[in-house]
Amino acid sequence: MDLVTIDDIREAAERIKGIAVRTPLLRMGESWLKPESLQPVGSFKIRGAYNALAVLRPSGVVTHSSGNHGQALACAAAEFGVPCTVVVPEGTPAVKKAAIEGWGAEVVVVPPDQREVMAERLAAERGLTLVPPYDHRAIIAGQGTIGLEIVDALPDVEVVLVPVSGGGLASGVAAAVKALRPDVRVYGVEPELAADAAESLAAGRVVTWETSRTFRTIADGLRVNRVSELTFAHLREHLEGIVTVSEDELRGAVRHLARTARLVTEPSGAAATAALLSGRVPAGRTVAVVSGGNVDPELFARIYA
């Protein structure tokens, strides 16, 4: 399979200049955080979404999303002046739906297992370009710009921890880091209750979990029930492995980030930090990617209390 290259990622970095923030590395004890929650749309997703639109130049777009990719695509579509429709599952936090609509996009709510089907239907009916949340080379390349920034800011980094949902973020970051520093160990992180990617790597093939299983986790941004063949190929090629974390560890990481790093994050965004705090990651000069901060205020209040 044709994997994303370091040249693809460098080209993406040029395209997203002035749109995505070059987030800093923040020291946390003996490790560092890469706070993508500080992006204009509250997550790393703007990198891939904007890069995809810059490559595709569509006249209108549609996607399916748990919320963050939808908001990022809506923002990018507004920049390019094209209409955007986002299909989200029932149960998507109101704060994420409102943010998508705030960028001028249409939100369509469907049962969780109907997201992709509805997005494909709308693409066909309305003549829109489907921009998936992770299963696209331009998306992976855009997310990979995080890896470029990590190595540039901390050349002697030894371990990188990245949340895994559909696998686009981990694929891009790992591709960039491994191209620049092959000795760096890159680990994906998943909730125990949505560990389809970990099972896929163990099985040597893409394994699908039922939506009813993945929707048990508090990490709504990591509830995708399978990686794609494209992202699986990247994960298998570049990752050392996948660490899984419990729901209590996710809650603890959200509290820890708020109290020690002054970062408001959603459970999905805190997954890599949860793995770091768990002690199950090999020691080293470690960077944990904080992928997003679009948390439901009521949920955050319950976790933080």
C-alpha atoms as a PDB file:
ATOM      1  CA  MET A   1       0.000   0.000   0.000  1.00  0.00           C
ATOM      2  CA  ASP A   2       1.179   3.536  -0.814  1.00  0.00           C
ATOM      3  CA  LEU A   3       1.958   5.099   2.574  1.00  0.00           C
ATOM      4  CA  VAL A   4       2.215   8.806   3.346  1.00  0.00           C
ATOM      5  CA  THR A   5       5.801  10.056   3.088  1.00  0.00           C
ATOM      6  CA  ILE A   6       7.765  12.742   4.876  1.00  0.00           C
ATOM      7  CA  ASP A   7       7.574  14.837   1.703  1.00  0.00           C
ATOM      8  CA  ASP A   8       3.755  14.611   1.786  1.00  0.00           C
ATOM      9  CA  ILE A   9       3.811  15.825   5.377  1.00  0.00           C
ATOM     10  CA  ARG A  10       6.218  18.670   4.671  1.00  0.00           C
ATOM     11  CA  GLU A  11       4.006  19.831   1.796  1.00  0.00           C
ATOM     12  CA  ALA A  12       1.020  19.740   4.139  1.00  0.00           C
ATOM     13  CA  ALA A  13       2.927  21.869   6.652  1.00  0.00           C
ATOM     14  CA  GLU A  14       3.341  24.564   4.003  1.00  0.00           C
ATOM     15  CA  ARG A  15      -0.347  24.476   3.106  1.00  0.00           C
ATOM     16  CA  ILE A  16      -1.611  24.886   6.668  1.00  0.00           C
ATOM     17  CA  LYS A  17       0.691  27.761   7.646  1.00  0.00           C
ATOM     18  CA  GLY A  18      -1.352  30.604   9.066  1.00  0.00           C
ATOM     19  CA  ILE A  19      -4.354  28.321   9.643  1.00  0.00           C
ATOM     20  CA  ALA A  20      -3.175  25.742  12.176  1.00  0.00           C
ATOM     21  CA  VAL A  21      -1.296  26.918  15.265  1.00  0.00           C
ATOM     22  CA  ARG A  22       2.229  25.593  15.800  1.00  0.00           C
ATOM     23  CA  THR A  23       1.488  24.423  19.336  1.00  0.00           C
ATOM     24  CA  PRO A  24       4.310  24.499  21.909  1.00  0.00           C
ATOM     25  CA  LEU A  25       5.697  21.665  23.984  1.00  0.00           C
ATOM     26  CA  LEU A  26       4.723  22.140  27.618  1.00  0.00           C
ATOM     27  CA  ARG A  27       6.830  20.572  30.358  1.00  0.00           C
ATOM     28  CA  MET A  28       4.983  18.206  32.700  1.00  0.00           C
ATOM     29  CA  GLY A  29       7.396  16.695  35.203  1.00  0.00           C
ATOM     30  CA  GLU A  30       9.989  14.746  33.246  1.00  0.00           C
ATOM     31  CA  SER A  31       7.814  14.689  30.106  1.00  0.00           C
ATOM     32  CA  TRP A  32       6.221  17.093  27.650  1.00  0.00           C
ATOM     33  CA  LEU A  33       2.712  17.756  26.345  1.00  0.00           C
ATOM     34  CA  LYS A  34       1.791  18.777  22.794  1.00  0.00           C
ATOM     35  CA  PRO A  35      -1.447  20.757  23.471  1.00  0.00           C
ATOM     36  CA  GLU A  36      -3.460  20.512  20.260  1.00  0.00           C
ATOM     37  CA  SER A  37      -6.434  21.601  22.353  1.00  0.00           C
ATOM     38  CA  LEU A  38      -5.097  25.122  21.719  1.00  0.00           C
ATOM     39  CA  GLN A  39      -5.948  24.987  18.008  1.00  0.00           C
ATOM     40  CA  PRO A  40      -8.622  27.478  16.804  1.00  0.00           C
ATOM     41  CA  VAL A  41     -11.159  24.622  16.594  1.00  0.00           C
ATOM     42  CA  GLY A  42     -10.015  23.020  19.845  1.00  0.00           C
ATOM     43  CA  SER A  43      -8.320  19.974  18.316  1.00  0.00           C
ATOM     44  CA  PHE A  44      -5.630  18.766  15.917  1.00  0.00           C
ATOM     45  CA  LYS A  45      -8.267  18.048  13.277  1.00  0.00           C
ATOM     46  CA  ILE A  46      -7.853  21.427  11.557  1.00  0.00           C
ATOM     47  CA  ARG A  47      -4.489  20.267  10.218  1.00  0.00           C
ATOM     48  CA  GLY A  48      -5.877  17.386   8.192  1.00  0.00           C
ATOM     49  CA  ALA A  49      -9.150  19.037   7.244  1.00  0.00           C
ATOM     50  CA  TYR A  50      -7.550  22.166   5.820  1.00  0.00           C
ATOM     51  CA  ASN A  51      -4.860  20.194   4.018  1.00  0.00           C
ATOM     52  CA  ALA A  52      -7.503  17.966   2.426  1.00  0.00           C
ATOM     53  CA  LEU A  53      -9.488  20.936   1.116  1.00  0.00           C
ATOM     54  CA  ALA A  54      -6.314  22.595  -0.159  1.00  0.00           C
ATOM     55  CA  VAL A  55      -5.515  19.427  -2.113  1.00  0.00           C
ATOM     56  CA  LEU A  56      -9.032  18.554  -3.308  1.00  0.00           C
ATOM     57  CA  ARG A  57     -10.422  22.065  -3.988  1.00  0.00           C
ATOM     58  CA  PRO A  58     -14.039  20.829  -3.837  1.00  0.00           C
ATOM     59  CA  SER A  59     -17.163  22.883  -4.533  1.00  0.00           C
ATOM     60  CA  GLY A  60     -18.864  21.467  -1.435  1.00  0.00           C
ATOM     61  CA  VAL A  61     -18.065  18.874   1.238  1.00  0.00           C
ATOM     62  CA  VAL A  62     -19.699  16.359   3.526  1.00  0.00           C
ATOM     63  CA  THR A  63     -18.270  14.192   6.285  1.00  0.00           C
ATOM     64  CA  HIS A  64     -19.189  11.955   9.201  1.00  0.00           C
ATOM     65  CA  SER A  65     -17.702  12.804  12.567  1.00  0.00           C
ATOM     66  CA  SER A  66     -17.968  12.441  16.317  1.00  0.00           C
ATOM     67  CA  GLY A  67     -17.585  16.209  16.391  1.00  0.00           C
ATOM     68  CA  ASN A  68     -14.004  17.433  16.177  1.00  0.00           C
ATOM     69  CA  HIS A  69     -13.342  16.579  12.532  1.00  0.00           C
ATOM     70  CA  GLY A  70     -16.733  18.013  11.674  1.00  0.00           C
ATOM     71  CA  GLN A  71     -15.902  21.311  13.317  1.00  0.00           C
ATOM     72  CA  ALA A  72     -12.490  21.402  11.649  1.00  0.00           C
ATOM     73  CA  LEU A  73     -13.940  20.676   8.212  1.00  0.00           C
ATOM     74  CA  ALA A  74     -16.630  23.304   8.753  1.00  0.00           C
ATOM     75  CA  CYS A  75     -13.927  25.836   9.635  1.00  0.00           C
ATOM     76  CA  ALA A  76     -11.828  24.886   6.605  1.00  0.00           C
ATOM     77  CA  ALA A  77     -14.880  25.004   4.320  1.00  0.00           C
ATOM     78  CA  ALA A  78     -15.653  28.506   5.590  1.00  0.00           C
ATOM     79  CA  GLU A  79     -12.079  29.532   4.723  1.00  0.00           C
ATOM     80  CA  PHE A  80     -12.515  28.159   1.200  1.00  0.00           C
ATOM     81  CA  GLY A  81     -16.043  29.540   0.845  1.00  0.00           C
ATOM     82  CA  VAL A  82     -17.747  26.202   0.135  1.00  0.00           C
ATOM     83  CA  PRO A  83     -20.796  24.602   1.798  1.00  0.00           C
ATOM     84  CA  CYS A  84     -20.295  21.877   4.383  1.00  0.00           C
ATOM     85  CA  THR A  85     -22.563  19.179   5.831  1.00  0.00           C
ATOM     86  CA  VAL A  86     -21.551  17.114   8.862  1.00  0.00           C
ATOM     87  CA  VAL A  87     -23.221  13.857   9.866  1.00  0.00           C
ATOM     88  CA  VAL A  88     -22.892  13.190  13.603  1.00  0.00           C
ATOM     89  CA  PRO A  89     -24.131  10.313  15.775  1.00  0.00           C
ATOM     90  CA  GLU A  90     -26.883  10.597  18.320  1.00  0.00           C
ATOM     91  CA  GLY A  91     -25.293  11.443  21.654  1.00  0.00           C
ATOM     92  CA  THR A  92     -22.738  13.869  20.221  1.00  0.00           C
ATOM     93  CA  PRO A  93     -22.096  16.552  22.880  1.00  0.00           C
ATOM     94  CA  ALA A  94     -24.156  19.691  22.285  1.00  0.00           C
ATOM     95  CA  VAL A  95     -21.007  21.823  22.503  1.00  0.00           C
ATOM     96  CA  LYS A  96     -19.575  20.025  19.472  1.00  0.00           C
ATOM     97  CA  LYS A  97     -22.757  20.311  17.403  1.00  0.00           C
ATOM     98  CA  ALA A  98     -23.029  24.010  18.234  1.00  0.00           C
ATOM     99  CA  ALA A  99     -19.407  24.574  17.234  1.00  0.00           C
ATOM    100  CA  ILE A 100     -19.974  22.916  13.844  1.00  0.00           C
ATOM    101  CA  GLU A 101     -23.043  25.065  13.205  1.00  0.00           C
ATOM    102  CA  GLY A 102     -21.120  28.118  14.374  1.00  0.00           C
ATOM    103  CA  TRP A 103     -18.869  27.762  11.334  1.00  0.00           C
ATOM    104  CA  GLY A 104     -21.925  27.786   9.073  1.00  0.00           C
ATOM    105  CA  ALA A 105     -22.199  24.050   8.420  1.00  0.00           C
ATOM    106  CA  GLU A 106     -25.317  21.915   8.410  1.00  0.00           C
ATOM    107  CA  VAL A 107     -25.505  19.183  11.064  1.00  0.00           C
ATOM    108  CA  VAL A 108     -27.369  15.928  10.371  1.00  0.00           C
ATOM    109  CA  VAL A 109     -27.928  13.643  13.376  1.00  0.00           C
ATOM    110  CA  VAL A 110     -28.301   9.879  12.819  1.00  0.00           C
ATOM    111  CA  PRO A 111     -27.975   6.639  14.817  1.00  0.00           C
ATOM    112  CA  PRO A 112     -24.286   5.893  15.486  1.00  0.00           C
ATOM    113  CA  ASP A 113     -24.076   3.003  13.016  1.00  0.00           C
ATOM    114  CA  GLN A 114     -25.547   5.116  10.189  1.00  0.00           C
ATOM    115  CA  ARG A 115     -22.922   7.861  10.056  1.00  0.00           C
ATOM    116  CA  GLU A 116     -20.910   6.658   7.084  1.00  0.00           C
ATOM    117  CA  VAL A 117     -23.944   5.463   5.125  1.00  0.00           C
ATOM    118  CA  MET A 118     -25.677   8.831   5.479  1.00  0.00           C
ATOM    119  CA  ALA A 119     -22.544  10.788   4.545  1.00  0.00           C
ATOM    120  CA  GLU A 120     -22.107   8.691   1.396  1.00  0.00           C
ATOM    121  CA  ARG A 121     -25.792   9.141   0.530  1.00  0.00           C
ATOM    122  CA  LEU A 122     -25.615  12.926   0.920  1.00  0.00           C
ATOM    123  CA  ALA A 123     -22.451  13.056  -1.169  1.00  0.00           C
ATOM    124  CA  ALA A 124     -24.211  11.227  -3.992  1.00  0.00           C
ATOM    125  CA  GLU A 125     -27.503  13.133  -3.741  1.00  0.00           C
ATOM    126  CA  ARG A 126     -26.006  16.624  -3.431  1.00  0.00           C
ATOM    127  CA  GLY A 127     -22.853  16.251  -5.513  1.00  0.00           C
ATOM    128  CA  LEU A 128     -20.624  16.882  -2.496  1.00  0.00           C
ATOM    129  CA  THR A 129     -17.069  15.654  -1.965  1.00  0.00           C
ATOM    130  CA  LEU A 130     -16.811  13.226   0.940  1.00  0.00           C
ATOM    131  CA  VAL A 131     -13.878  14.164   3.193  1.00  0.00           C
ATOM    132  CA  PRO A 132     -13.542  11.321   5.705  1.00  0.00           C
ATOM    133  CA  PRO A 133     -12.203  11.934   9.213  1.00  0.00           C
ATOM    134  CA  TYR A 134      -9.149   9.707   8.811  1.00  0.00           C
ATOM    135  CA  ASP A 135      -9.248   7.449   5.735  1.00  0.00           C
ATOM    136  CA  HIS A 136      -7.490   9.797   3.302  1.00  0.00           C
ATOM    137  CA  ARG A 137      -3.835  10.468   2.510  1.00  0.00           C
ATOM    138  CA  ALA A 138      -4.267  14.246   2.754  1.00  0.00           C
ATOM    139  CA  ILE A 139      -5.864  13.922   6.180  1.00  0.00           C
ATOM    140  CA  ILE A 140      -3.022  11.696   7.420  1.00  0.00           C
ATOM    141  CA  ALA A 141      -0.388  14.051   5.982  1.00  0.00           C
ATOM    142  CA  GLY A 142      -1.992  17.048   7.664  1.00  0.00           C
ATOM    143  CA  GLN A 143      -2.068  15.336  11.059  1.00  0.00           C
ATOM    144  CA  GLY A 144       1.531  14.284  10.510  1.00  0.00           C
ATOM    145  CA  THR A 145       2.660  17.913  10.779  1.00  0.00           C
ATOM    146  CA  ILE A 146       2.427  17.428  14.549  1.00  0.00           C
ATOM    147  CA  GLY A 147       5.259  14.927  14.279  1.00  0.00           C
ATOM    148  CA  LEU A 148       7.405  17.437  12.386  1.00  0.00           C
ATOM    149  CA  GLU A 149       6.893  19.974  15.151  1.00  0.00           C
ATOM    150  CA  ILE A 150       7.660  17.508  17.938  1.00  0.00           C
ATOM    151  CA  VAL A 151      11.009  16.488  16.478  1.00  0.00           C
ATOM    152  CA  ASP A 152      11.904  20.085  15.660  1.00  0.00           C
ATOM    153  CA  ALA A 153      11.125  21.266  19.200  1.00  0.00           C
ATOM    154  CA  LEU A 154      12.669  18.262  20.997  1.00  0.00           C
ATOM    155  CA  PRO A 155      15.285  16.647  18.737  1.00  0.00           C
ATOM    156  CA  ASP A 156      16.279  14.113  21.394  1.00  0.00           C
ATOM    157  CA  VAL A 157      12.726  12.882  22.002  1.00  0.00           C
ATOM    158  CA  GLU A 158      12.645   9.158  22.761  1.00  0.00           C
ATOM    159  CA  VAL A 159       8.950   8.254  23.106  1.00  0.00           C
ATOM    160  CA  VAL A 160       5.798   9.737  21.529  1.00  0.00           C
ATOM    161  CA  LEU A 161       2.288   8.849  22.697  1.00  0.00           C
ATOM    162  CA  VAL A 162      -0.672   9.468  20.371  1.00  0.00           C
ATOM    163  CA  PRO A 163      -4.409   8.741  20.815  1.00  0.00           C
ATOM    164  CA  VAL A 164      -5.936   6.316  18.294  1.00  0.00           C
ATOM    165  CA  SER A 165      -9.498   6.402  17.001  1.00  0.00           C
ATOM    166  CA  GLY A 166      -9.709   5.878  13.243  1.00  0.00           C
ATOM    167  CA  GLY A 167      -5.928   6.060  13.154  1.00  0.00           C
ATOM    168  CA  GLY A 168      -5.320   9.182  11.068  1.00  0.00           C
ATOM    169  CA  LEU A 169      -3.523  11.116  13.808  1.00  0.00           C
ATOM    170  CA  ALA A 170      -1.330   8.220  14.919  1.00  0.00           C
ATOM    171  CA  SER A 171      -0.568   7.301  11.300  1.00  0.00           C
ATOM    172  CA  GLY A 172       0.592  10.789  10.389  1.00  0.00           C
ATOM    173  CA  VAL A 173       2.527  11.515  13.567  1.00  0.00           C
ATOM    174  CA  ALA A 174       4.276   8.141  13.495  1.00  0.00           C
ATOM    175  CA  ALA A 175       5.128   8.476   9.795  1.00  0.00           C
ATOM    176  CA  ALA A 176       6.741  11.867  10.391  1.00  0.00           C
ATOM    177  CA  VAL A 177       8.591  10.939  13.573  1.00  0.00           C
ATOM    178  CA  LYS A 178       9.916   7.642  12.218  1.00  0.00           C
ATOM    179  CA  ALA A 179      11.103   9.273   8.986  1.00  0.00           C
ATOM    180  CA  LEU A 180      13.068  11.875  10.930  1.00  0.00           C
ATOM    181  CA  ARG A 181      14.116   9.760  13.914  1.00  0.00           C
ATOM    182  CA  PRO A 182      13.772   6.000  13.279  1.00  0.00           C
ATOM    183  CA  ASP A 183      14.926   5.227  16.823  1.00  0.00           C
ATOM    184  CA  VAL A 184      12.009   7.025  18.486  1.00  0.00           C
ATOM    185  CA  ARG A 185       9.338   4.719  19.912  1.00  0.00           C
ATOM    186  CA  VAL A 186       5.814   5.744  18.953  1.00  0.00           C
ATOM    187  CA  TYR A 187       2.853   4.217  20.785  1.00  0.00           C
ATOM    188  CA  GLY A 188      -0.844   4.580  20.097  1.00  0.00           C
ATOM    189  CA  VAL A 189      -3.289   4.896  23.008  1.00  0.00           C
ATOM    190  CA  GLU A 190      -6.883   3.656  23.138  1.00  0.00           C
ATOM    191  CA  PRO A 191      -9.557   3.255  25.804  1.00  0.00           C
ATOM    192  CA  GLU A 192      -9.946  -0.329  26.985  1.00  0.00           C
ATOM    193  CA  LEU A 193     -13.623  -0.035  26.026  1.00  0.00           C
ATOM    194  CA  ALA A 194     -12.841   0.932  22.417  1.00  0.00           C
ATOM    195  CA  ALA A 195      -9.654  -1.001  21.702  1.00  0.00           C
ATOM    196  CA  ASP A 196     -10.417  -2.169  18.172  1.00  0.00           C
ATOM    197  CA  ALA A 197      -7.079  -0.898  16.814  1.00  0.00           C
ATOM    198  CA  ALA A 198      -5.113  -2.763  19.481  1.00  0.00           C
ATOM    199  CA  GLU A 199      -7.009  -5.932  18.628  1.00  0.00           C
ATOM    200  CA  SER A 200      -6.445  -5.304  14.928  1.00  0.00           C
ATOM    201  CA  LEU A 201      -2.681  -5.059  15.352  1.00  0.00           C
ATOM    202  CA  ALA A 202      -2.658  -8.208  17.470  1.00  0.00           C
ATOM    203  CA  ALA A 203      -4.722 -10.076  14.860  1.00  0.00           C
ATOM    204  CA  GLY A 204      -2.781  -8.756  11.865  1.00  0.00           C
ATOM    205  CA  ARG A 205      -5.974  -7.535  10.176  1.00  0.00           C
ATOM    206  CA  VAL A 206      -8.640  -4.880  10.631  1.00  0.00           C
ATOM    207  CA  VAL A 207     -11.076  -5.919  13.360  1.00  0.00           C
ATOM    208  CA  THR A 208     -14.445  -4.181  13.714  1.00  0.00           C
ATOM    209  CA  TRP A 209     -16.117  -3.670  17.090  1.00  0.00           C
ATOM    210  CA  GLU A 210     -19.852  -3.202  17.374  1.00  0.00           C
ATOM    211  CA  THR A 211     -20.897   0.384  17.974  1.00  0.00           C
ATOM    212  CA  SER A 212     -22.593  -0.719  21.188  1.00  0.00           C
ATOM    213  CA  ARG A 213     -19.143  -1.685  22.509  1.00  0.00           C
ATOM    214  CA  THR A 214     -17.200   1.431  21.539  1.00  0.00           C
ATOM    215  CA  PHE A 215     -19.927   3.777  22.788  1.00  0.00           C
ATOM    216  CA  ARG A 216     -19.342   2.568  26.359  1.00  0.00           C
ATOM    217  CA  THR A 217     -16.263   4.757  26.717  1.00  0.00           C
ATOM    218  CA  ILE A 218     -16.395   8.271  28.072  1.00  0.00           C
ATOM    219  CA  ALA A 219     -13.952   9.268  25.318  1.00  0.00           C
ATOM    220  CA  ASP A 220     -16.523  10.161  22.642  1.00  0.00           C
ATOM    221  CA  GLY A 221     -13.822  11.180  20.161  1.00  0.00           C
ATOM    222  CA  LEU A 222     -12.280   7.682  20.253  1.00  0.00           C
ATOM    223  CA  ARG A 223     -15.449   5.672  19.596  1.00  0.00           C
ATOM    224  CA  VAL A 224     -14.741   4.827  15.960  1.00  0.00           C
ATOM    225  CA  ASN A 225     -15.286   1.070  15.732  1.00  0.00           C
ATOM    226  CA  ARG A 226     -12.539   0.263  13.238  1.00  0.00           C
ATOM    227  CA  VAL A 227      -9.440   1.641  11.591  1.00  0.00           C
ATOM    228  CA  SER A 228      -9.311   1.722   7.804  1.00  0.00           C
ATOM    229  CA  GLU A 229      -7.065  -0.445   5.671  1.00  0.00           C
ATOM    230  CA  LEU A 230      -5.036   2.705   4.931  1.00  0.00           C
ATOM    231  CA  THR A 231      -4.513   3.721   8.544  1.00  0.00           C
ATOM    232  CA  PHE A 232      -3.985   0.103   9.621  1.00  0.00           C
ATOM    233  CA  ALA A 233      -1.100  -0.170   7.141  1.00  0.00           C
ATOM    234  CA  HIS A 234       0.517   2.930   8.673  1.00  0.00           C
ATOM    235  CA  LEU A 235      -0.016   1.762  12.253  1.00  0.00           C
ATOM    236  CA  ARG A 236       1.390  -1.672  11.523  1.00  0.00           C
ATOM    237  CA  GLU A 237       4.421  -0.149   9.802  1.00  0.00           C
ATOM    238  CA  HIS A 238       5.282   2.575  12.314  1.00  0.00           C
ATOM    239  CA  LEU A 239       3.896   1.909  15.799  1.00  0.00           C
ATOM    240  CA  GLU A 240       5.712   0.025  18.543  1.00  0.00           C
ATOM    241  CA  GLY A 241       2.294  -0.957  19.851  1.00  0.00           C
ATOM    242  CA  ILE A 242      -0.907   0.336  21.428  1.00  0.00           C
ATOM    243  CA  VAL A 243      -1.393   1.007  25.135  1.00  0.00           C
ATOM    244  CA  THR A 244      -4.943   0.805  26.498  1.00  0.00           C
ATOM    245  CA  VAL A 245      -6.262   2.897  29.381  1.00  0.00           C
ATOM    246  CA  SER A 246      -9.236   2.529  31.698  1.00  0.00           C
ATOM    247  CA  GLU A 247     -12.130   4.938  32.142  1.00  0.00           C
ATOM    248  CA  ASP A 248     -10.825   5.894  35.592  1.00  0.00           C
ATOM    249  CA  GLU A 249      -7.408   6.617  34.071  1.00  0.00           C
ATOM    250  CA  LEU A 250      -9.022   8.863  31.454  1.00  0.00           C
ATOM    251  CA  ARG A 251     -10.875  10.799  34.162  1.00  0.00           C
ATOM    252  CA  GLY A 252      -7.699  11.081  36.211  1.00  0.00           C
ATOM    253  CA  ALA A 253      -5.789  12.439  33.233  1.00  0.00           C
ATOM    254  CA  VAL A 254      -8.442  15.097  32.570  1.00  0.00           C
ATOM    255  CA  ARG A 255      -8.160  16.223  36.197  1.00  0.00           C
ATOM    256  CA  HIS A 256      -4.354  16.106  36.125  1.00  0.00           C
ATOM    257  CA  LEU A 257      -4.126  18.214  32.964  1.00  0.00           C
ATOM    258  CA  ALA A 258      -6.494  20.812  34.398  1.00  0.00           C
ATOM    259  CA  ARG A 259      -4.720  21.047  37.745  1.00  0.00           C
ATOM    260  CA  THR A 260      -1.072  20.788  36.725  1.00  0.00           C
ATOM    261  CA  ALA A 261      -0.911  21.991  33.097  1.00  0.00           C
ATOM    262  CA  ARG A 262      -3.915  24.354  33.212  1.00  0.00           C
ATOM    263  CA  LEU A 263      -5.358  22.603  30.158  1.00  0.00           C
ATOM    264  CA  VAL A 264      -9.060  21.899  29.754  1.00  0.00           C
ATOM    265  CA  THR A 265      -9.289  18.679  27.751  1.00  0.00           C
ATOM    266  CA  GLU A 266     -11.882  16.152  26.727  1.00  0.00           C
ATOM    267  CA  PRO A 267     -11.321  12.522  27.785  1.00  0.00           C
ATOM    268  CA  SER A 268     -10.282  11.644  24.221  1.00  0.00           C
ATOM    269  CA  GLY A 269      -7.682  14.385  24.267  1.00  0.00           C
ATOM    270  CA  ALA A 270      -6.301  13.160  27.590  1.00  0.00           C
ATOM    271  CA  ALA A 271      -5.795   9.548  26.490  1.00  0.00           C
ATOM    272  CA  ALA A 272      -2.073   9.838  25.769  1.00  0.00           C
ATOM    273  CA  THR A 273      -1.545  11.596  29.104  1.00  0.00           C
ATOM    274  CA  ALA A 274      -3.468   8.795  30.814  1.00  0.00           C
ATOM    275  CA  ALA A 275      -1.062   6.265  29.320  1.00  0.00           C
ATOM    276  CA  LEU A 276       1.899   8.340  30.473  1.00  0.00           C
ATOM    277  CA  LEU A 277       0.551   8.604  34.018  1.00  0.00           C
ATOM    278  CA  SER A 278      -0.250   4.886  34.132  1.00  0.00           C
ATOM    279  CA  GLY A 279       3.422   3.951  34.161  1.00  0.00           C
ATOM    280  CA  ARG A 280       2.853   1.301  31.470  1.00  0.00           C
ATOM    281  CA  VAL A 281       4.877   3.203  28.870  1.00  0.00           C
ATOM    282  CA  PRO A 282       8.636   2.608  28.572  1.00  0.00           C
ATOM    283  CA  ALA A 283      10.663   5.365  30.208  1.00  0.00           C
ATOM    284  CA  GLY A 284      12.309   8.048  28.121  1.00  0.00           C
ATOM    285  CA  ARG A 285      12.098  11.657  27.021  1.00  0.00           C
ATOM    286  CA  THR A 286       8.393  11.433  26.269  1.00  0.00           C
ATOM    287  CA  VAL A 287       5.897  13.661  24.463  1.00  0.00           C
ATOM    288  CA  ALA A 288       2.171  13.003  24.943  1.00  0.00           C
ATOM    289  CA  VAL A 289      -0.129  14.517  22.321  1.00  0.00           C
ATOM    290  CA  VAL A 290      -3.145  16.233  23.911  1.00  0.00           C
ATOM    291  CA  SER A 291      -5.414  15.913  20.934  1.00  0.00           C
ATOM    292  CA  GLY A 292      -8.464  17.991  21.850  1.00  0.00           C
ATOM    293  CA  GLY A 293     -10.283  20.131  24.381  1.00  0.00           C
ATOM    294  CA  ASN A 294     -13.873  20.294  23.125  1.00  0.00           C
ATOM    295  CA  VAL A 295     -15.343  18.838  26.287  1.00  0.00           C
ATOM    296  CA  ASP A 296     -18.982  18.940  27.336  1.00  0.00           C
ATOM    297  CA  PRO A 297     -18.970  21.457  30.239  1.00  0.00           C
ATOM    298  CA  GLU A 298     -21.282  19.279  32.331  1.00  0.00           C
ATOM    299  CA  LEU A 299     -19.104  16.228  31.791  1.00  0.00           C
ATOM    300  CA  PHE A 300     -15.978  18.210  32.677  1.00  0.00           C
ATOM    301  CA  ALA A 301     -17.621  19.462  35.884  1.00  0.00           C
ATOM    302  CA  ARG A 302     -18.481  15.882  36.900  1.00  0.00           C
ATOM    303  CA  ILE A 303     -14.954  14.632  36.190  1.00  0.00           C
ATOM    304  CA  TYR A 304     -13.209  17.577  37.850  1.00  0.00           C
ATOM    305  CA  ALA A 305     -15.329  17.593  40.995  1.00  0.00           C
END
